[in-house]
N, C-alpha and C. Protein backbone atom coordinates (compact mmCIF):
# COMPACT_ATOMS: atom_id res chain seq x y z
N MET A 1 47.24 -65.60 -54.03
CA MET A 1 47.61 -63.59 -53.55
C MET A 1 47.15 -62.85 -53.39
N ALA A 2 45.73 -63.04 -54.29
CA ALA A 2 44.56 -62.43 -53.70
C ALA A 2 44.07 -62.60 -52.58
N LYS A 3 44.23 -63.35 -51.70
CA LYS A 3 43.53 -63.50 -50.47
C LYS A 3 44.47 -63.48 -49.52
N LYS A 4 45.81 -63.38 -49.69
CA LYS A 4 46.38 -62.67 -49.10
C LYS A 4 46.68 -60.86 -49.19
N GLU A 5 46.23 -60.75 -49.94
CA GLU A 5 45.81 -59.10 -50.10
C GLU A 5 44.95 -58.50 -49.29
N SER A 6 43.45 -59.57 -49.45
CA SER A 6 42.09 -59.43 -48.86
C SER A 6 42.83 -58.95 -47.09
N LEU A 7 43.40 -60.32 -46.81
CA LEU A 7 43.33 -60.22 -45.56
C LEU A 7 44.37 -58.72 -44.82
N GLN A 8 45.15 -58.58 -45.38
CA GLN A 8 46.32 -57.51 -45.20
C GLN A 8 45.49 -56.05 -45.48
N SER A 9 44.13 -56.15 -46.47
CA SER A 9 43.33 -55.29 -46.29
C SER A 9 42.51 -54.92 -44.75
N ASN A 10 42.06 -55.87 -44.65
CA ASN A 10 41.13 -56.53 -43.40
C ASN A 10 42.01 -55.37 -42.31
N LEU A 11 42.85 -56.04 -41.98
CA LEU A 11 43.76 -55.98 -41.40
C LEU A 11 44.38 -54.02 -40.98
N ASN A 12 44.56 -53.99 -42.36
CA ASN A 12 44.50 -52.05 -42.58
C ASN A 12 43.61 -51.32 -42.09
N LEU A 13 42.15 -52.23 -42.68
CA LEU A 13 40.45 -51.58 -41.71
C LEU A 13 40.70 -51.50 -40.13
N ARG A 14 40.85 -52.53 -39.86
CA ARG A 14 40.56 -52.59 -38.40
C ARG A 14 42.12 -51.72 -37.70
N LYS A 15 42.95 -52.10 -38.27
CA LYS A 15 44.27 -50.42 -37.67
C LYS A 15 43.45 -49.15 -38.00
N LEU A 16 43.13 -48.83 -38.59
CA LEU A 16 42.36 -47.53 -39.03
C LEU A 16 40.94 -47.30 -38.26
N ASN A 17 40.48 -48.41 -37.70
CA ASN A 17 38.96 -47.98 -37.39
C ASN A 17 39.52 -47.47 -35.46
N ARG A 18 40.60 -48.56 -35.33
CA ARG A 18 40.98 -48.48 -33.99
C ARG A 18 41.73 -47.32 -33.76
N ILE A 19 42.36 -46.84 -34.72
CA ILE A 19 42.78 -45.33 -34.67
C ILE A 19 41.59 -44.17 -34.77
N LEU A 20 40.90 -44.00 -35.58
CA LEU A 20 39.16 -43.53 -35.39
C LEU A 20 38.66 -43.69 -34.15
N SER A 21 38.48 -44.56 -33.82
CA SER A 21 38.23 -45.26 -32.04
C SER A 21 38.82 -44.60 -31.48
N THR A 22 39.78 -44.36 -31.29
CA THR A 22 40.89 -43.92 -30.07
C THR A 22 41.27 -42.16 -29.89
N VAL A 23 40.44 -41.73 -31.60
CA VAL A 23 40.90 -40.06 -31.70
C VAL A 23 39.47 -40.01 -31.49
N LEU A 24 38.33 -40.48 -31.52
CA LEU A 24 36.98 -40.18 -31.10
C LEU A 24 37.15 -40.38 -29.53
N ILE A 25 37.37 -40.92 -28.93
CA ILE A 25 37.64 -41.24 -27.48
C ILE A 25 38.48 -39.61 -27.14
N ILE A 26 39.46 -39.39 -27.73
CA ILE A 26 40.21 -38.27 -27.20
C ILE A 26 39.52 -37.01 -27.23
N VAL A 27 38.62 -37.26 -28.63
CA VAL A 27 37.97 -35.78 -28.98
C VAL A 27 36.44 -35.65 -27.49
N ILE A 28 36.18 -36.58 -27.28
CA ILE A 28 35.06 -36.68 -26.61
C ILE A 28 35.59 -36.02 -24.70
N ILE A 29 36.82 -36.78 -24.69
CA ILE A 29 37.23 -36.38 -23.34
C ILE A 29 37.74 -34.85 -23.34
N ALA A 30 38.23 -34.38 -24.66
CA ALA A 30 38.89 -32.85 -24.57
C ALA A 30 37.57 -32.48 -24.47
N ILE A 31 36.29 -32.81 -24.78
CA ILE A 31 35.28 -31.77 -25.22
C ILE A 31 34.79 -31.78 -23.87
N PHE A 32 34.43 -32.71 -22.55
CA PHE A 32 33.95 -33.05 -21.00
C PHE A 32 35.28 -32.15 -20.63
N ILE A 33 36.63 -32.26 -20.76
CA ILE A 33 37.15 -31.54 -19.93
C ILE A 33 37.23 -29.66 -20.24
N ALA A 34 36.81 -29.23 -21.87
CA ALA A 34 36.64 -28.34 -22.20
C ALA A 34 35.59 -27.42 -21.31
N GLY A 35 34.35 -28.59 -21.57
CA GLY A 35 33.26 -28.08 -20.66
C GLY A 35 32.96 -27.42 -19.35
N GLY A 36 34.01 -28.85 -18.73
CA GLY A 36 34.55 -27.98 -17.31
C GLY A 36 35.01 -26.53 -17.21
N LEU A 37 35.91 -26.89 -18.04
CA LEU A 37 36.58 -25.37 -17.61
C LEU A 37 35.66 -24.39 -17.94
N ILE A 38 34.90 -24.35 -19.00
CA ILE A 38 34.16 -23.08 -19.60
C ILE A 38 33.14 -22.94 -18.78
N ASN A 39 32.39 -24.31 -17.76
CA ASN A 39 31.58 -24.16 -17.15
C ASN A 39 32.06 -23.72 -15.20
N GLY A 40 33.21 -23.96 -15.32
CA GLY A 40 33.86 -23.52 -13.69
C GLY A 40 34.42 -21.84 -13.90
N ILE A 41 34.75 -21.76 -14.97
CA ILE A 41 34.82 -19.61 -15.48
C ILE A 41 33.68 -19.24 -15.35
N ILE A 42 32.43 -19.79 -16.03
CA ILE A 42 30.85 -19.23 -16.19
C ILE A 42 30.51 -19.15 -14.37
N GLN A 43 30.70 -20.25 -13.78
CA GLN A 43 30.31 -20.13 -12.67
C GLN A 43 30.69 -19.59 -11.47
N GLY A 44 32.14 -18.82 -11.70
CA GLY A 44 32.90 -18.13 -11.20
C GLY A 44 32.58 -17.25 -11.00
N ARG A 45 31.97 -16.26 -12.56
CA ARG A 45 32.39 -15.04 -13.03
C ARG A 45 30.28 -15.07 -11.94
N ILE A 46 29.54 -15.85 -12.48
CA ILE A 46 28.27 -15.67 -11.39
C ILE A 46 28.21 -15.26 -9.85
N ASN A 47 29.44 -16.10 -9.67
CA ASN A 47 29.68 -16.00 -7.94
C ASN A 47 30.34 -14.93 -7.10
N LYS A 48 31.09 -13.97 -8.24
CA LYS A 48 31.96 -12.97 -8.62
C LYS A 48 30.78 -12.01 -8.03
N ALA A 49 29.70 -11.95 -9.52
CA ALA A 49 28.70 -10.39 -9.60
C ALA A 49 27.97 -10.85 -8.38
N ILE A 50 27.52 -12.42 -7.76
CA ILE A 50 26.21 -12.21 -6.85
C ILE A 50 27.33 -11.61 -5.71
N GLN A 51 28.36 -12.05 -5.20
CA GLN A 51 29.46 -11.00 -3.94
C GLN A 51 29.59 -10.19 -4.25
N ASP A 52 29.53 -9.72 -5.51
CA ASP A 52 29.69 -7.88 -6.06
C ASP A 52 28.14 -7.00 -5.50
N ASN A 53 26.82 -8.11 -6.02
CA ASN A 53 26.07 -7.40 -5.94
C ASN A 53 25.32 -7.53 -4.20
N ILE A 54 25.98 -8.19 -3.66
CA ILE A 54 26.04 -8.33 -1.88
C ILE A 54 26.63 -7.26 -1.28
N LYS A 55 27.78 -7.23 -1.76
CA LYS A 55 28.81 -6.15 -1.27
C LYS A 55 28.26 -4.38 -1.57
N ARG A 56 27.31 -4.02 -2.64
CA ARG A 56 26.58 -2.87 -3.12
C ARG A 56 25.67 -2.72 -2.18
N GLN A 57 24.79 -3.71 -1.80
CA GLN A 57 23.90 -3.46 -1.42
C GLN A 57 24.22 -3.30 0.15
N GLU A 58 25.05 -4.07 0.97
CA GLU A 58 25.49 -3.71 2.47
C GLU A 58 26.58 -2.04 2.40
N GLN A 59 27.07 -1.30 1.40
CA GLN A 59 27.33 -0.66 1.21
C GLN A 59 26.06 0.36 1.06
N THR A 60 25.14 0.30 0.80
CA THR A 60 23.77 0.71 0.50
C THR A 60 23.41 0.62 1.86
N VAL A 61 22.96 -0.20 2.57
CA VAL A 61 22.68 0.01 4.09
C VAL A 61 23.69 0.38 5.10
N THR A 62 24.73 0.72 5.20
CA THR A 62 25.76 1.50 5.67
C THR A 62 25.57 3.21 5.41
N ALA A 63 25.32 3.17 3.85
CA ALA A 63 24.66 4.58 3.45
C ALA A 63 23.91 5.13 4.33
N LEU A 64 23.01 4.46 3.95
CA LEU A 64 21.41 4.93 4.52
C LEU A 64 21.60 5.17 6.27
N TYR A 65 21.97 4.39 6.79
CA TYR A 65 22.14 4.06 8.34
C TYR A 65 22.80 5.86 8.43
N GLU A 66 24.22 5.67 7.94
CA GLU A 66 25.06 7.11 8.19
C GLU A 66 23.87 8.46 7.93
N LYS A 67 23.46 8.13 7.03
CA LYS A 67 22.77 9.37 6.55
C LYS A 67 21.95 9.40 7.36
N ALA A 68 20.55 8.95 7.72
CA ALA A 68 19.39 8.77 8.48
C ALA A 68 19.53 9.33 10.33
N PHE A 69 20.71 8.35 10.60
CA PHE A 69 20.98 8.64 11.71
C PHE A 69 21.93 9.74 12.36
N SER A 70 21.78 10.37 13.35
CA SER A 70 22.60 11.31 14.03
C SER A 70 23.13 10.40 14.73
N PRO A 71 24.76 10.76 15.15
CA PRO A 71 25.62 9.86 16.39
C PRO A 71 24.92 9.25 17.43
N LYS A 72 23.78 10.39 18.05
CA LYS A 72 22.89 10.15 19.22
C LYS A 72 22.03 9.43 19.16
N ILE A 73 21.11 9.85 17.97
CA ILE A 73 20.06 8.26 17.72
C ILE A 73 20.68 7.22 17.63
N ARG A 74 22.02 7.11 16.63
CA ARG A 74 22.67 5.95 16.65
C ARG A 74 22.62 5.06 17.73
N GLU A 75 23.49 5.61 18.30
CA GLU A 75 24.20 5.23 19.74
C GLU A 75 22.46 4.64 20.64
N TYR A 76 21.42 5.46 20.57
CA TYR A 76 19.78 4.57 21.74
C TYR A 76 19.45 3.89 20.55
N VAL A 77 19.25 3.89 18.79
CA VAL A 77 18.39 3.06 18.11
C VAL A 77 19.56 1.87 18.01
N PHE A 78 20.55 1.87 17.86
CA PHE A 78 21.46 0.66 17.50
C PHE A 78 22.35 0.19 18.75
N LYS A 79 21.88 -0.35 19.34
CA LYS A 79 22.62 -1.16 20.66
C LYS A 79 23.95 -1.31 19.84
N PRO A 80 24.59 -1.74 20.63
CA PRO A 80 26.73 -1.93 20.17
C PRO A 80 26.38 -3.64 19.83
N SER A 81 25.78 -4.20 20.91
CA SER A 81 26.05 -5.38 21.11
C SER A 81 24.86 -6.16 20.59
N HIS A 82 23.82 -5.74 20.05
CA HIS A 82 22.57 -6.05 19.34
C HIS A 82 22.36 -4.83 18.05
N THR A 83 23.33 -4.48 17.31
CA THR A 83 23.26 -4.34 15.99
C THR A 83 23.49 -5.30 14.83
N TYR A 84 22.36 -5.42 13.83
CA TYR A 84 22.39 -6.44 12.34
C TYR A 84 22.17 -5.21 11.47
N PHE A 85 23.04 -5.95 10.07
CA PHE A 85 22.76 -5.44 8.77
C PHE A 85 22.48 -6.46 8.07
N CYS A 86 21.53 -6.32 7.06
CA CYS A 86 21.71 -7.39 5.89
C CYS A 86 21.17 -7.03 4.78
N SER A 87 21.53 -7.85 4.03
CA SER A 87 21.39 -6.78 2.45
C SER A 87 20.27 -6.75 1.49
N CYS A 88 19.64 -7.86 2.50
CA CYS A 88 17.81 -7.99 2.10
C CYS A 88 17.34 -6.71 3.19
N PHE A 89 17.99 -6.01 3.77
CA PHE A 89 17.23 -4.89 5.04
C PHE A 89 15.79 -5.55 6.09
N THR A 90 15.88 -7.00 5.86
CA THR A 90 15.10 -7.33 6.89
C THR A 90 15.62 -7.78 8.19
N CYS A 91 16.36 -7.49 8.42
CA CYS A 91 16.87 -8.52 9.79
C CYS A 91 16.19 -8.03 11.36
N ILE A 92 16.28 -8.49 12.09
CA ILE A 92 15.14 -8.37 13.27
C ILE A 92 16.35 -9.06 14.43
N SER A 93 16.56 -7.61 15.25
CA SER A 93 16.73 -8.17 15.90
C SER A 93 15.78 -7.79 17.11
N SER A 94 15.55 -8.87 18.51
CA SER A 94 14.21 -8.29 19.89
C SER A 94 14.68 -7.44 20.78
N SER A 95 16.29 -7.51 20.33
CA SER A 95 16.75 -6.61 21.90
C SER A 95 17.12 -4.69 21.19
N SER A 96 16.81 -4.59 20.07
CA SER A 96 17.96 -3.50 19.40
C SER A 96 16.16 -2.68 18.84
N GLY A 97 16.71 -1.23 18.50
CA GLY A 97 15.70 -0.46 18.30
C GLY A 97 14.76 -0.66 17.53
N ILE A 98 16.22 -1.15 16.47
CA ILE A 98 15.48 -1.14 14.77
C ILE A 98 14.71 -2.85 14.80
N HIS A 99 13.75 -2.70 14.49
CA HIS A 99 13.05 -3.62 14.11
C HIS A 99 12.68 -4.02 12.08
N GLY A 100 13.02 -3.18 11.62
CA GLY A 100 13.51 -4.02 10.09
C GLY A 100 13.22 -2.39 9.35
N TYR A 101 13.95 -2.87 8.08
CA TYR A 101 13.64 -1.55 7.13
C TYR A 101 12.49 -1.48 6.16
N LEU A 102 11.66 -0.44 6.36
CA LEU A 102 9.83 -1.03 5.40
C LEU A 102 10.00 -0.36 4.07
N GLY A 103 11.48 0.52 3.83
CA GLY A 103 11.15 0.53 2.21
C GLY A 103 11.49 2.16 2.26
N GLU A 104 11.47 2.86 1.02
CA GLU A 104 11.47 4.26 0.92
C GLU A 104 9.66 4.43 0.54
N PHE A 105 9.43 5.47 1.39
CA PHE A 105 7.85 6.09 0.98
C PHE A 105 7.75 7.12 0.48
N THR A 106 6.48 7.46 0.10
CA THR A 106 6.30 8.43 -0.18
C THR A 106 5.16 9.31 0.97
N ILE A 107 5.86 10.41 1.24
CA ILE A 107 5.76 11.24 2.65
C ILE A 107 4.44 12.68 2.20
N THR A 108 3.21 12.42 2.81
CA THR A 108 2.81 13.91 2.19
C THR A 108 2.30 14.59 3.66
N ALA A 109 1.57 15.52 3.43
CA ALA A 109 1.38 15.83 5.00
C ALA A 109 0.21 16.40 5.28
N TYR A 110 -0.58 16.30 6.29
CA TYR A 110 -2.48 17.14 6.45
C TYR A 110 -2.71 17.58 7.76
N THR A 111 -3.69 18.00 7.57
CA THR A 111 -3.97 19.09 9.10
C THR A 111 -5.28 18.21 9.63
N ALA A 112 -5.93 18.92 10.71
CA ALA A 112 -6.86 18.30 11.39
C ALA A 112 -8.08 18.67 10.84
N GLY A 113 -8.06 20.22 9.92
CA GLY A 113 -9.05 20.36 9.08
C GLY A 113 -10.03 20.27 8.08
N ALA A 114 -10.55 21.02 7.55
CA ALA A 114 -11.58 20.44 6.26
C ALA A 114 -10.94 20.16 5.39
N GLU A 115 -9.97 21.35 4.92
CA GLU A 115 -8.98 20.74 4.13
C GLU A 115 -8.73 19.47 3.59
N SER A 116 -8.88 18.62 5.33
CA SER A 116 -7.90 17.26 5.04
C SER A 116 -9.03 16.34 5.34
N THR A 117 -9.52 16.53 6.49
CA THR A 117 -10.05 15.61 7.11
C THR A 117 -11.80 15.71 6.53
N GLY A 118 -12.12 16.70 6.22
CA GLY A 118 -13.85 17.81 6.10
C GLY A 118 -14.39 17.63 7.69
N LYS A 119 -13.61 17.93 8.46
CA LYS A 119 -14.52 18.02 9.79
C LYS A 119 -13.95 19.53 9.85
N LYS A 120 -14.31 20.65 10.99
CA LYS A 120 -14.31 21.59 11.45
C LYS A 120 -14.23 21.62 12.46
N PRO A 121 -13.73 22.55 13.63
CA PRO A 121 -13.65 22.48 14.93
C PRO A 121 -15.11 22.80 15.69
N GLY A 122 -15.40 21.76 16.59
CA GLY A 122 -16.70 21.88 17.08
C GLY A 122 -17.74 20.82 16.09
N ASP A 123 -16.70 19.92 15.21
CA ASP A 123 -17.38 18.42 14.80
C ASP A 123 -17.24 17.74 15.64
N ARG A 124 -18.19 16.64 15.34
CA ARG A 124 -17.84 15.42 16.09
C ARG A 124 -16.55 14.42 15.53
N ALA A 125 -15.53 14.43 16.77
CA ALA A 125 -14.48 13.60 16.72
C ALA A 125 -13.68 14.41 15.95
N TYR A 126 -13.76 16.12 16.05
CA TYR A 126 -12.76 16.90 14.55
C TYR A 126 -11.17 16.48 16.11
N GLY A 127 -10.07 16.62 15.40
CA GLY A 127 -9.00 16.32 15.37
C GLY A 127 -8.94 14.72 16.80
N ILE A 128 -9.73 13.91 16.29
CA ILE A 128 -9.28 12.80 16.70
C ILE A 128 -8.89 11.41 15.42
N THR A 129 -7.88 10.54 15.72
CA THR A 129 -7.73 9.88 14.84
C THR A 129 -8.32 8.65 14.76
N LYS A 130 -8.23 8.08 13.96
CA LYS A 130 -8.81 6.48 13.67
C LYS A 130 -8.71 5.27 14.87
N SER A 131 -7.17 5.77 15.13
CA SER A 131 -7.18 4.67 16.69
C SER A 131 -7.72 5.14 17.95
N GLY A 132 -8.33 6.35 17.40
CA GLY A 132 -8.93 7.12 18.89
C GLY A 132 -8.20 8.00 19.83
N GLU A 133 -6.68 8.50 19.51
CA GLU A 133 -6.05 8.88 19.81
C GLU A 133 -6.49 10.66 19.19
N PRO A 134 -6.49 11.42 20.06
CA PRO A 134 -6.03 13.02 19.64
C PRO A 134 -4.75 12.97 18.38
N VAL A 135 -5.28 13.55 17.08
CA VAL A 135 -3.56 14.31 17.08
C VAL A 135 -2.74 15.01 17.55
N THR A 136 -1.49 14.62 17.79
CA THR A 136 -0.36 15.18 18.33
C THR A 136 0.70 15.80 17.22
N GLU A 137 0.64 16.74 17.36
CA GLU A 137 2.38 17.25 16.31
C GLU A 137 3.18 16.58 16.90
N GLU A 138 4.10 16.24 15.97
CA GLU A 138 5.23 15.39 15.93
C GLU A 138 5.50 14.16 16.57
N ILE A 139 4.15 13.64 16.07
CA ILE A 139 4.02 11.98 16.87
C ILE A 139 2.47 11.02 15.64
N THR A 140 1.74 11.88 15.44
CA THR A 140 0.77 11.25 14.34
C THR A 140 1.00 11.46 13.19
N ILE A 141 1.01 10.05 12.55
CA ILE A 141 1.19 9.73 10.96
C ILE A 141 -0.59 9.29 10.91
N ALA A 142 -0.73 8.89 9.49
CA ALA A 142 -1.85 8.29 9.14
C ALA A 142 -0.69 7.52 8.07
N SER A 143 -1.24 5.76 8.22
CA SER A 143 -0.79 4.97 6.90
C SER A 143 -1.81 3.85 6.93
N ASP A 144 -1.65 2.94 5.67
CA ASP A 144 -1.60 2.00 5.26
C ASP A 144 -1.95 1.13 6.60
N TRP A 145 -2.45 0.33 7.57
CA TRP A 145 -2.37 -0.07 8.27
C TRP A 145 -1.87 -1.41 7.92
N ASN A 146 -2.49 -1.99 6.74
CA ASN A 146 -2.03 -3.30 6.64
C ASN A 146 -0.31 -3.83 6.48
N VAL A 147 0.42 -1.99 6.24
CA VAL A 147 1.46 -1.79 6.07
C VAL A 147 1.87 -1.46 7.27
N ILE A 148 1.95 -0.47 7.76
CA ILE A 148 1.85 -0.16 9.23
C ILE A 148 1.37 -0.17 10.57
N PRO A 149 0.62 -1.38 11.43
CA PRO A 149 -0.19 -1.38 11.84
C PRO A 149 -0.70 0.06 12.97
N PRO A 150 -1.58 0.28 13.34
CA PRO A 150 -1.73 0.94 14.59
C PRO A 150 -1.15 1.38 15.93
N GLY A 151 -0.37 1.90 16.22
CA GLY A 151 -0.18 2.06 17.22
C GLY A 151 1.75 1.85 16.92
N THR A 152 2.15 1.32 15.74
CA THR A 152 3.80 0.96 15.59
C THR A 152 4.22 2.67 15.64
N TRP A 153 5.37 2.76 16.14
CA TRP A 153 6.37 3.29 16.03
C TRP A 153 7.03 3.12 14.81
N VAL A 154 7.67 4.42 14.37
CA VAL A 154 8.54 4.31 13.14
C VAL A 154 9.43 5.31 13.03
N TYR A 155 10.51 5.15 12.10
CA TYR A 155 11.70 5.97 12.17
C TYR A 155 11.78 6.56 10.66
N ILE A 156 11.11 7.68 10.58
CA ILE A 156 11.24 8.47 8.97
C ILE A 156 12.54 9.01 8.77
N GLU A 157 13.15 9.25 7.64
CA GLU A 157 14.22 9.76 7.52
C GLU A 157 14.37 11.59 7.40
N ASP A 158 15.05 11.86 8.30
CA ASP A 158 15.25 13.57 7.95
C ASP A 158 14.08 14.15 8.28
N VAL A 159 12.94 13.52 8.79
CA VAL A 159 11.74 13.65 10.36
C VAL A 159 11.82 13.30 11.59
N GLY A 160 12.07 11.75 11.52
CA GLY A 160 11.89 11.56 13.38
C GLY A 160 11.37 10.06 13.91
N TYR A 161 10.94 10.24 14.68
CA TYR A 161 9.81 9.25 15.39
C TYR A 161 8.62 9.78 15.23
N ARG A 162 7.59 8.67 14.78
CA ARG A 162 6.39 8.90 14.44
C ARG A 162 5.63 7.84 14.82
N GLN A 163 4.19 7.95 15.19
CA GLN A 163 3.21 6.83 15.31
C GLN A 163 2.22 7.10 14.88
N ALA A 164 2.13 5.10 14.06
CA ALA A 164 0.92 5.33 13.45
C ALA A 164 -1.01 5.60 14.54
N GLN A 165 -1.43 6.43 13.84
CA GLN A 165 -2.57 6.69 14.69
C GLN A 165 -3.75 6.98 13.86
N ASP A 166 -3.62 7.35 12.59
CA ASP A 166 -4.42 7.55 11.75
C ASP A 166 -4.30 6.73 10.20
N ILE A 167 -5.63 7.05 9.54
CA ILE A 167 -5.58 5.81 8.01
C ILE A 167 -6.43 6.97 7.00
N GLY A 168 -6.37 6.96 5.88
CA GLY A 168 -7.09 7.82 4.66
C GLY A 168 -7.24 7.35 3.68
N SER A 169 -8.04 7.53 3.55
CA SER A 169 -8.54 7.06 1.95
C SER A 169 -7.82 7.09 0.64
N ASP A 170 -6.18 7.71 1.07
CA ASP A 170 -5.88 7.82 -0.29
C ASP A 170 -4.47 7.26 0.33
N ILE A 171 -4.21 6.81 1.75
CA ILE A 171 -3.27 6.62 2.18
C ILE A 171 -2.99 5.01 1.93
N LYS A 172 -2.56 4.62 0.63
CA LYS A 172 -2.38 3.23 0.87
C LYS A 172 -0.91 2.22 0.26
N GLY A 173 -0.23 1.53 0.76
CA GLY A 173 0.86 1.38 0.49
C GLY A 173 2.07 1.67 1.44
N ASN A 174 3.22 1.89 0.09
CA ASN A 174 4.06 2.78 0.67
C ASN A 174 4.07 3.69 0.59
N ARG A 175 2.97 4.91 1.94
CA ARG A 175 2.82 6.14 1.48
C ARG A 175 2.02 6.32 3.57
N ILE A 176 2.89 7.74 3.56
CA ILE A 176 3.12 7.86 5.10
C ILE A 176 2.33 9.40 4.76
N ASP A 177 1.15 9.68 5.56
CA ASP A 177 0.59 11.30 5.58
C ASP A 177 1.25 11.93 6.87
N LEU A 178 2.05 13.14 7.53
CA LEU A 178 2.29 13.27 8.32
C LEU A 178 1.14 14.67 9.22
N TYR A 179 1.11 14.34 10.47
CA TYR A 179 -0.09 15.71 10.97
C TYR A 179 0.73 16.62 11.32
N ILE A 180 0.34 17.71 10.43
CA ILE A 180 1.03 18.83 10.93
C ILE A 180 0.15 19.96 10.77
N PRO A 181 -0.04 20.39 11.85
CA PRO A 181 -1.46 21.66 12.74
C PRO A 181 -1.68 22.79 11.46
N GLU A 182 -0.52 23.31 11.45
CA GLU A 182 -0.50 24.38 9.98
C GLU A 182 -1.02 23.85 8.78
N LEU A 183 -1.51 24.60 8.25
CA LEU A 183 -2.33 24.31 6.86
C LEU A 183 -0.81 25.00 5.86
N VAL A 184 -0.21 26.33 6.19
CA VAL A 184 0.83 26.28 5.35
C VAL A 184 2.02 25.89 5.57
N GLN A 185 1.90 24.91 6.38
CA GLN A 185 3.23 24.12 7.05
C GLN A 185 3.21 22.71 6.01
N ALA A 186 2.24 22.47 6.05
CA ALA A 186 1.42 21.24 5.20
C ALA A 186 2.08 21.44 3.68
N ASP A 187 1.29 22.11 2.96
CA ASP A 187 1.10 22.77 2.37
C ASP A 187 2.87 22.83 1.40
N GLU A 188 3.78 23.13 2.49
CA GLU A 188 4.78 24.12 1.90
C GLU A 188 6.05 22.13 2.16
N TRP A 189 5.19 21.25 2.96
CA TRP A 189 5.92 19.90 2.66
C TRP A 189 5.53 19.27 1.41
N GLY A 190 4.38 19.51 0.85
CA GLY A 190 4.49 18.93 -0.27
C GLY A 190 4.53 17.39 -0.23
N VAL A 191 5.01 16.43 -1.66
CA VAL A 191 5.27 15.50 -1.77
C VAL A 191 7.02 15.23 -1.75
N GLN A 192 7.34 14.01 -0.40
CA GLN A 192 8.84 13.95 -0.97
C GLN A 192 8.88 12.68 -0.57
N GLN A 193 9.95 11.59 -1.22
CA GLN A 193 10.17 10.24 -0.92
C GLN A 193 11.34 10.38 0.38
N LYS A 194 11.10 9.22 1.54
CA LYS A 194 12.25 9.23 2.51
C LYS A 194 12.08 7.61 2.90
N HIS A 195 12.89 6.78 3.45
CA HIS A 195 12.91 5.58 4.27
C HIS A 195 12.77 6.11 5.23
N VAL A 196 12.27 4.52 5.66
CA VAL A 196 11.33 4.63 7.15
C VAL A 196 11.52 2.82 7.48
N TRP A 197 12.02 3.10 8.53
CA TRP A 197 12.26 1.57 10.07
C TRP A 197 11.09 1.96 10.37
N ILE A 198 10.79 0.38 11.09
CA ILE A 198 10.01 0.53 12.31
C ILE A 198 11.35 0.01 13.39
N VAL A 199 10.53 1.47 14.58
CA VAL A 199 11.38 0.89 15.68
C VAL A 199 10.60 0.68 17.00
N GLU A 200 11.50 0.25 18.09
CA GLU A 200 10.44 -0.31 19.56
C GLU A 200 9.62 1.29 19.82
N ASN A 201 9.27 1.16 20.82
CA ASN A 201 8.28 2.40 21.39
C ASN A 201 9.46 3.50 21.81
N VAL A 202 9.16 4.37 21.76
CA VAL A 202 9.55 5.84 22.03
C VAL A 202 9.31 6.24 23.51
N ASP A 203 9.68 6.14 24.29
CA ASP A 203 9.31 6.85 25.54
C ASP A 203 9.15 8.57 25.29
């Protein structure tokens, strides 16, 4: 009798083990399925956030483009069949007027006089830029030549086309010094923040 009860107990234990094993397998499978669903939801939200960010940047580019360029300038600078916009502001088209967005620059102003250059009329190289060109109103700018090399044409928001011809001891990084002949006007300019693009040579 005792032997029969022992066998029955063993059978019951085996059944219990099988049941527990089955339950454990189901739990593990459920965990994997739930993990996959959660990961899919998280990945979907990440992808949506990335797409939303790209869309916002594209809208920013369009807004800057509309603000910076008048219809006449847009027609010249952005040739319709070769117009490219990038969310990273770095698209380059060899056949278009715009070669790239440089970023936001601190724009100041200087004159050829002693107050800016330490030189006076009659002094050697007075009114001559580092590139050897004479300072020219509405053309000459001083820049960091590691950022805007000499001879490079740029378009400055609300200012227009300018060419890098000069340098300055304080002109480093994203900074540009506009040549303005009159000291009063240069002082009135002060310090402003403007967006800057590289463009093709301007005739």
